[in-house]
Amino acid sequence: MAEINKEAFVELQTRLVETTSKLKQVQMQIRSKEAEKKRTILTLEELQGLPETNTYKSVGRAFILESKDDLIKEYQARGKECEATLNSLQTSLEYLERQMKEVENNFKELLQQSPALAQQVMALTV
């Protein structure tokens, strides 16, 4: 019985580490996309405020002459793409948070069922 509890504990610990890693990765992706979305919105606002003038698109180290309307359409499309990606990432984040709570609850339940295992874990953490 004790061996089964130890195996379950190791399995839960592995799931916890994996879920935590995935959660941090998704949070980083969300921050990155939010920053990209903010830059896109600011650039779009500046473009819309310009009078009819020559506008240039940055391509690597070069700048290419592009119409203002084309640039506005491109930045609007980028904004929509960022929004869709953010919605998808938010769904993933919520799923991973639910998984994390489930693993934590399983840990609590396992430690409550096996006081000997709980004592061993406490001895390792001290």
N, C-alpha and C. Protein backbone atom coordinates (compact mmCIF):
# COMPACT_ATOMS: atom_id res chain seq x y z
N MET A 1 0.83 -1.20 0.00
CA MET A 1 0.00 0.00 0.00
C MET A 1 0.87 1.26 0.00
N ALA A 2 1.92 1.25 0.82
CA ALA A 2 2.80 2.41 0.92
C ALA A 2 3.52 2.65 -0.40
N GLU A 3 3.88 1.55 -1.07
CA GLU A 3 4.59 1.67 -2.36
C GLU A 3 3.67 2.30 -3.41
N ILE A 4 2.40 1.93 -3.39
CA ILE A 4 1.43 2.51 -4.33
C ILE A 4 1.29 4.00 -4.08
N ASN A 5 1.26 4.39 -2.81
CA ASN A 5 1.15 5.81 -2.47
C ASN A 5 2.38 6.59 -2.93
N LYS A 6 3.56 5.99 -2.79
CA LYS A 6 4.78 6.66 -3.25
C LYS A 6 4.77 6.83 -4.76
N GLU A 7 4.32 5.80 -5.48
CA GLU A 7 4.24 5.89 -6.94
C GLU A 7 3.25 6.97 -7.35
N ALA A 8 2.12 7.02 -6.67
CA ALA A 8 1.12 8.04 -6.96
C ALA A 8 1.68 9.44 -6.67
N PHE A 9 2.42 9.54 -5.58
CA PHE A 9 3.03 10.83 -5.21
C PHE A 9 4.02 11.29 -6.29
N VAL A 10 4.87 10.38 -6.75
CA VAL A 10 5.85 10.72 -7.78
C VAL A 10 5.14 11.12 -9.07
N GLU A 11 4.09 10.39 -9.41
CA GLU A 11 3.32 10.71 -10.62
C GLU A 11 2.69 12.10 -10.51
N LEU A 12 2.09 12.38 -9.35
CA LEU A 12 1.49 13.70 -9.15
C LEU A 12 2.54 14.80 -9.18
N GLN A 13 3.69 14.51 -8.62
CA GLN A 13 4.77 15.49 -8.62
C GLN A 13 5.22 15.80 -10.06
N THR A 14 5.32 14.77 -10.87
CA THR A 14 5.69 14.94 -12.28
C THR A 14 4.64 15.78 -13.02
N ARG A 15 3.37 15.46 -12.79
CA ARG A 15 2.29 16.23 -13.42
C ARG A 15 2.31 17.68 -12.97
N LEU A 16 2.62 17.91 -11.70
CA LEU A 16 2.68 19.26 -11.17
C LEU A 16 3.79 20.06 -11.84
N VAL A 17 4.95 19.45 -12.00
CA VAL A 17 6.08 20.13 -12.65
C VAL A 17 5.75 20.43 -14.11
N GLU A 18 5.19 19.47 -14.81
CA GLU A 18 4.82 19.67 -16.22
C GLU A 18 3.78 20.77 -16.37
N THR A 19 2.76 20.73 -15.54
CA THR A 19 1.69 21.72 -15.62
C THR A 19 2.21 23.11 -15.28
N THR A 20 3.06 23.20 -14.28
CA THR A 20 3.63 24.49 -13.91
C THR A 20 4.46 25.06 -15.05
N SER A 21 5.23 24.21 -15.69
CA SER A 21 6.05 24.64 -16.82
C SER A 21 5.19 25.15 -17.97
N LYS A 22 4.16 24.39 -18.31
CA LYS A 22 3.25 24.79 -19.39
C LYS A 22 2.53 26.10 -19.04
N LEU A 23 2.14 26.23 -17.78
CA LEU A 23 1.44 27.43 -17.32
C LEU A 23 2.33 28.65 -17.48
N LYS A 24 3.58 28.55 -17.08
CA LYS A 24 4.51 29.67 -17.21
C LYS A 24 4.75 30.02 -18.68
N GLN A 25 4.84 29.00 -19.52
CA GLN A 25 5.05 29.21 -20.95
C GLN A 25 3.87 29.97 -21.56
N VAL A 26 2.65 29.56 -21.22
CA VAL A 26 1.46 30.22 -21.75
C VAL A 26 1.38 31.66 -21.24
N GLN A 27 1.72 31.88 -19.98
CA GLN A 27 1.72 33.24 -19.43
C GLN A 27 2.71 34.13 -20.16
N MET A 28 3.88 33.59 -20.50
CA MET A 28 4.87 34.37 -21.26
C MET A 28 4.35 34.69 -22.65
N GLN A 29 3.71 33.72 -23.29
CA GLN A 29 3.15 33.94 -24.62
C GLN A 29 2.06 35.00 -24.58
N ILE A 30 1.25 35.00 -23.53
CA ILE A 30 0.19 36.00 -23.39
C ILE A 30 0.80 37.38 -23.25
N ARG A 31 1.82 37.51 -22.39
CA ARG A 31 2.47 38.82 -22.22
C ARG A 31 3.07 39.31 -23.53
N SER A 32 3.69 38.41 -24.28
CA SER A 32 4.30 38.77 -25.56
C SER A 32 3.25 39.24 -26.56
N LYS A 33 2.15 38.50 -26.66
CA LYS A 33 1.08 38.87 -27.60
C LYS A 33 0.41 40.17 -27.21
N GLU A 34 0.24 40.39 -25.89
CA GLU A 34 -0.36 41.64 -25.44
C GLU A 34 0.53 42.82 -25.80
N ALA A 35 1.85 42.67 -25.68
CA ALA A 35 2.77 43.73 -26.05
C ALA A 35 2.72 43.97 -27.56
N GLU A 36 2.66 42.90 -28.33
CA GLU A 36 2.57 43.03 -29.79
C GLU A 36 1.26 43.73 -30.18
N LYS A 37 0.18 43.37 -29.51
CA LYS A 37 -1.11 43.99 -29.80
C LYS A 37 -1.07 45.48 -29.47
N LYS A 38 -0.46 45.83 -28.34
CA LYS A 38 -0.36 47.23 -27.95
C LYS A 38 0.45 48.03 -28.97
N ARG A 39 1.57 47.47 -29.44
CA ARG A 39 2.39 48.15 -30.45
C ARG A 39 1.59 48.32 -31.74
N THR A 40 0.83 47.30 -32.10
CA THR A 40 0.03 47.36 -33.32
C THR A 40 -1.03 48.45 -33.22
N ILE A 41 -1.70 48.52 -32.08
CA ILE A 41 -2.74 49.54 -31.88
C ILE A 41 -2.13 50.94 -31.92
N LEU A 42 -1.00 51.13 -31.25
CA LEU A 42 -0.36 52.45 -31.25
C LEU A 42 0.09 52.86 -32.65
N THR A 43 0.66 51.91 -33.38
CA THR A 43 1.09 52.21 -34.75
C THR A 43 -0.10 52.54 -35.63
N LEU A 44 -1.17 51.79 -35.46
CA LEU A 44 -2.39 52.03 -36.24
C LEU A 44 -2.97 53.41 -35.95
N GLU A 45 -2.99 53.80 -34.68
CA GLU A 45 -3.49 55.13 -34.31
C GLU A 45 -2.65 56.23 -34.95
N GLU A 46 -1.33 56.04 -34.94
CA GLU A 46 -0.45 57.04 -35.56
C GLU A 46 -0.66 57.11 -37.06
N LEU A 47 -0.83 55.95 -37.70
CA LEU A 47 -1.06 55.93 -39.15
C LEU A 47 -2.36 56.63 -39.52
N GLN A 48 -3.39 56.40 -38.74
CA GLN A 48 -4.69 56.99 -39.05
C GLN A 48 -4.68 58.50 -38.84
N GLY A 49 -3.79 58.97 -38.00
CA GLY A 49 -3.70 60.41 -37.75
C GLY A 49 -2.87 61.15 -38.78
N LEU A 50 -2.18 60.41 -39.64
CA LEU A 50 -1.33 61.06 -40.65
C LEU A 50 -2.16 61.59 -41.81
N PRO A 51 -1.74 62.73 -42.37
CA PRO A 51 -2.38 63.16 -43.61
C PRO A 51 -1.92 62.26 -44.75
N GLU A 52 -2.48 62.43 -45.92
CA GLU A 52 -2.03 61.64 -47.07
C GLU A 52 -0.58 61.99 -47.35
N THR A 53 0.29 61.02 -47.10
CA THR A 53 1.72 61.23 -47.26
C THR A 53 2.37 59.90 -47.61
N ASN A 54 3.64 59.96 -47.97
CA ASN A 54 4.38 58.72 -48.24
C ASN A 54 4.57 57.97 -46.92
N THR A 55 4.27 56.69 -46.94
CA THR A 55 4.51 55.87 -45.76
C THR A 55 5.40 54.71 -46.17
N TYR A 56 6.20 54.26 -45.22
CA TYR A 56 7.16 53.20 -45.50
C TYR A 56 6.96 52.04 -44.53
N LYS A 57 7.17 50.86 -45.08
CA LYS A 57 7.04 49.64 -44.29
C LYS A 57 8.45 49.11 -44.05
N SER A 58 8.72 48.76 -42.79
CA SER A 58 10.02 48.22 -42.45
C SER A 58 10.07 46.74 -42.81
N VAL A 59 11.07 46.38 -43.60
CA VAL A 59 11.28 44.99 -43.98
C VAL A 59 12.74 44.67 -43.69
N GLY A 60 12.98 44.09 -42.53
CA GLY A 60 14.35 43.84 -42.13
C GLY A 60 15.07 45.16 -41.89
N ARG A 61 16.12 45.40 -42.66
CA ARG A 61 16.87 46.65 -42.55
C ARG A 61 16.43 47.67 -43.59
N ALA A 62 15.55 47.29 -44.47
CA ALA A 62 15.12 48.17 -45.55
C ALA A 62 13.73 48.73 -45.27
N PHE A 63 13.44 49.81 -45.94
CA PHE A 63 12.11 50.42 -45.87
C PHE A 63 11.54 50.48 -47.27
N ILE A 64 10.31 50.01 -47.40
CA ILE A 64 9.66 49.95 -48.70
C ILE A 64 8.47 50.91 -48.70
N LEU A 65 8.37 51.69 -49.78
CA LEU A 65 7.25 52.62 -49.91
C LEU A 65 5.96 51.83 -50.05
N GLU A 66 4.99 52.17 -49.21
CA GLU A 66 3.72 51.45 -49.19
C GLU A 66 2.61 52.48 -48.97
N SER A 67 1.46 52.23 -49.56
CA SER A 67 0.36 53.19 -49.38
C SER A 67 -0.13 53.15 -47.94
N LYS A 68 -0.62 54.28 -47.48
CA LYS A 68 -1.12 54.38 -46.11
C LYS A 68 -2.27 53.42 -45.89
N ASP A 69 -3.17 53.31 -46.86
CA ASP A 69 -4.33 52.42 -46.72
C ASP A 69 -3.90 50.95 -46.58
N ASP A 70 -2.88 50.55 -47.36
CA ASP A 70 -2.40 49.17 -47.26
C ASP A 70 -1.79 48.90 -45.89
N LEU A 71 -1.04 49.86 -45.38
CA LEU A 71 -0.45 49.69 -44.05
C LEU A 71 -1.53 49.62 -42.97
N ILE A 72 -2.55 50.45 -43.11
CA ILE A 72 -3.64 50.43 -42.13
C ILE A 72 -4.34 49.06 -42.16
N LYS A 73 -4.60 48.54 -43.35
CA LYS A 73 -5.23 47.22 -43.46
C LYS A 73 -4.35 46.14 -42.84
N GLU A 74 -3.05 46.23 -43.10
CA GLU A 74 -2.12 45.24 -42.55
C GLU A 74 -2.12 45.28 -41.02
N TYR A 75 -2.09 46.47 -40.44
CA TYR A 75 -2.07 46.57 -38.98
C TYR A 75 -3.41 46.18 -38.37
N GLN A 76 -4.50 46.42 -39.07
CA GLN A 76 -5.80 45.96 -38.58
C GLN A 76 -5.86 44.43 -38.57
N ALA A 77 -5.30 43.83 -39.62
CA ALA A 77 -5.27 42.36 -39.68
C ALA A 77 -4.38 41.80 -38.56
N ARG A 78 -3.26 42.46 -38.31
CA ARG A 78 -2.38 42.02 -37.22
C ARG A 78 -3.10 42.11 -35.88
N GLY A 79 -3.85 43.18 -35.69
CA GLY A 79 -4.60 43.35 -34.44
C GLY A 79 -5.61 42.23 -34.25
N LYS A 80 -6.32 41.88 -35.32
CA LYS A 80 -7.31 40.80 -35.24
C LYS A 80 -6.63 39.46 -34.97
N GLU A 81 -5.48 39.24 -35.60
CA GLU A 81 -4.74 38.00 -35.39
C GLU A 81 -4.25 37.91 -33.95
N CYS A 82 -3.76 39.02 -33.41
CA CYS A 82 -3.31 39.05 -32.02
C CYS A 82 -4.47 38.75 -31.08
N GLU A 83 -5.61 39.33 -31.35
CA GLU A 83 -6.79 39.11 -30.51
C GLU A 83 -7.22 37.65 -30.53
N ALA A 84 -7.21 37.04 -31.71
CA ALA A 84 -7.58 35.62 -31.82
C ALA A 84 -6.58 34.74 -31.07
N THR A 85 -5.30 35.05 -31.21
CA THR A 85 -4.27 34.28 -30.51
C THR A 85 -4.41 34.44 -29.00
N LEU A 86 -4.69 35.67 -28.57
CA LEU A 86 -4.87 35.91 -27.13
C LEU A 86 -6.06 35.14 -26.58
N ASN A 87 -7.14 35.09 -27.33
CA ASN A 87 -8.31 34.31 -26.88
C ASN A 87 -7.96 32.84 -26.74
N SER A 88 -7.22 32.31 -27.70
CA SER A 88 -6.80 30.91 -27.65
C SER A 88 -5.88 30.66 -26.46
N LEU A 89 -4.93 31.56 -26.24
CA LEU A 89 -4.01 31.42 -25.12
C LEU A 89 -4.73 31.53 -23.78
N GLN A 90 -5.72 32.39 -23.72
CA GLN A 90 -6.49 32.54 -22.48
C GLN A 90 -7.25 31.26 -22.16
N THR A 91 -7.80 30.62 -23.19
CA THR A 91 -8.48 29.34 -23.00
C THR A 91 -7.50 28.29 -22.49
N SER A 92 -6.30 28.26 -23.06
CA SER A 92 -5.27 27.32 -22.61
C SER A 92 -4.88 27.60 -21.17
N LEU A 93 -4.76 28.88 -20.83
CA LEU A 93 -4.39 29.26 -19.47
C LEU A 93 -5.44 28.78 -18.47
N GLU A 94 -6.70 28.98 -18.78
CA GLU A 94 -7.77 28.55 -17.90
C GLU A 94 -7.76 27.03 -17.72
N TYR A 95 -7.53 26.30 -18.82
CA TYR A 95 -7.46 24.84 -18.76
C TYR A 95 -6.31 24.40 -17.86
N LEU A 96 -5.14 25.01 -18.05
CA LEU A 96 -3.97 24.64 -17.24
C LEU A 96 -4.17 24.99 -15.77
N GLU A 97 -4.84 26.10 -15.49
CA GLU A 97 -5.13 26.45 -14.10
C GLU A 97 -6.05 25.43 -13.46
N ARG A 98 -7.04 24.95 -14.21
CA ARG A 98 -7.93 23.89 -13.69
C ARG A 98 -7.14 22.61 -13.43
N GLN A 99 -6.23 22.28 -14.35
CA GLN A 99 -5.40 21.09 -14.17
C GLN A 99 -4.54 21.23 -12.92
N MET A 100 -3.99 22.42 -12.71
CA MET A 100 -3.13 22.66 -11.55
C MET A 100 -3.92 22.47 -10.26
N LYS A 101 -5.14 23.00 -10.21
CA LYS A 101 -5.97 22.83 -9.02
C LYS A 101 -6.31 21.36 -8.79
N GLU A 102 -6.56 20.65 -9.87
CA GLU A 102 -6.88 19.22 -9.76
C GLU A 102 -5.69 18.46 -9.18
N VAL A 103 -4.49 18.75 -9.66
CA VAL A 103 -3.29 18.08 -9.15
C VAL A 103 -3.08 18.42 -7.68
N GLU A 104 -3.27 19.70 -7.32
CA GLU A 104 -3.12 20.10 -5.92
C GLU A 104 -4.13 19.39 -5.02
N ASN A 105 -5.35 19.29 -5.50
CA ASN A 105 -6.38 18.57 -4.72
C ASN A 105 -6.03 17.09 -4.57
N ASN A 106 -5.50 16.50 -5.66
CA ASN A 106 -5.08 15.10 -5.59
C ASN A 106 -3.94 14.92 -4.58
N PHE A 107 -3.02 15.89 -4.55
CA PHE A 107 -1.94 15.85 -3.56
C PHE A 107 -2.51 15.87 -2.14
N LYS A 108 -3.42 16.79 -1.89
CA LYS A 108 -4.01 16.91 -0.55
C LYS A 108 -4.71 15.61 -0.16
N GLU A 109 -5.47 15.09 -1.10
CA GLU A 109 -6.22 13.86 -0.83
C GLU A 109 -5.28 12.69 -0.54
N LEU A 110 -4.21 12.58 -1.33
CA LEU A 110 -3.24 11.51 -1.13
C LEU A 110 -2.56 11.63 0.22
N LEU A 111 -2.18 12.83 0.59
CA LEU A 111 -1.48 13.03 1.87
C LEU A 111 -2.43 12.82 3.06
N GLN A 112 -3.72 13.12 2.88
CA GLN A 112 -4.68 12.87 3.95
C GLN A 112 -4.95 11.38 4.12
N GLN A 113 -4.93 10.64 3.03
CA GLN A 113 -5.18 9.20 3.09
C GLN A 113 -3.99 8.44 3.66
N SER A 114 -2.81 8.98 3.50
CA SER A 114 -1.60 8.27 3.93
C SER A 114 -0.77 9.16 4.84
N PRO A 115 -1.05 9.13 6.14
CA PRO A 115 -0.28 9.96 7.08
C PRO A 115 1.21 9.62 7.09
N ALA A 116 1.56 8.37 6.84
CA ALA A 116 2.97 7.98 6.82
C ALA A 116 3.70 8.68 5.67
N LEU A 117 3.04 8.72 4.52
CA LEU A 117 3.63 9.41 3.37
C LEU A 117 3.75 10.90 3.65
N ALA A 118 2.75 11.46 4.29
CA ALA A 118 2.79 12.88 4.64
C ALA A 118 3.97 13.18 5.56
N GLN A 119 4.23 12.28 6.49
CA GLN A 119 5.38 12.46 7.40
C GLN A 119 6.70 12.38 6.64
N GLN A 120 6.78 11.46 5.68
CA GLN A 120 8.00 11.34 4.88
C GLN A 120 8.24 12.59 4.06
N VAL A 121 7.18 13.12 3.49
CA VAL A 121 7.30 14.33 2.66
C VAL A 121 7.72 15.51 3.54
N MET A 122 7.13 15.62 4.70
CA MET A 122 7.49 16.70 5.62
C MET A 122 8.94 16.57 6.07
N ALA A 123 9.41 15.35 6.25
CA ALA A 123 10.80 15.13 6.65
C ALA A 123 11.76 15.55 5.54
N LEU A 124 11.34 15.37 4.29
CA LEU A 124 12.19 15.77 3.16
C LEU A 124 12.23 17.28 2.98
N THR A 125 11.14 17.97 3.27
CA THR A 125 11.08 19.41 3.03
C THR A 125 11.73 20.21 4.15
N VAL A 126 11.89 19.63 5.32
CA VAL A 126 12.47 20.36 6.46
C VAL A 126 13.95 20.31 6.42
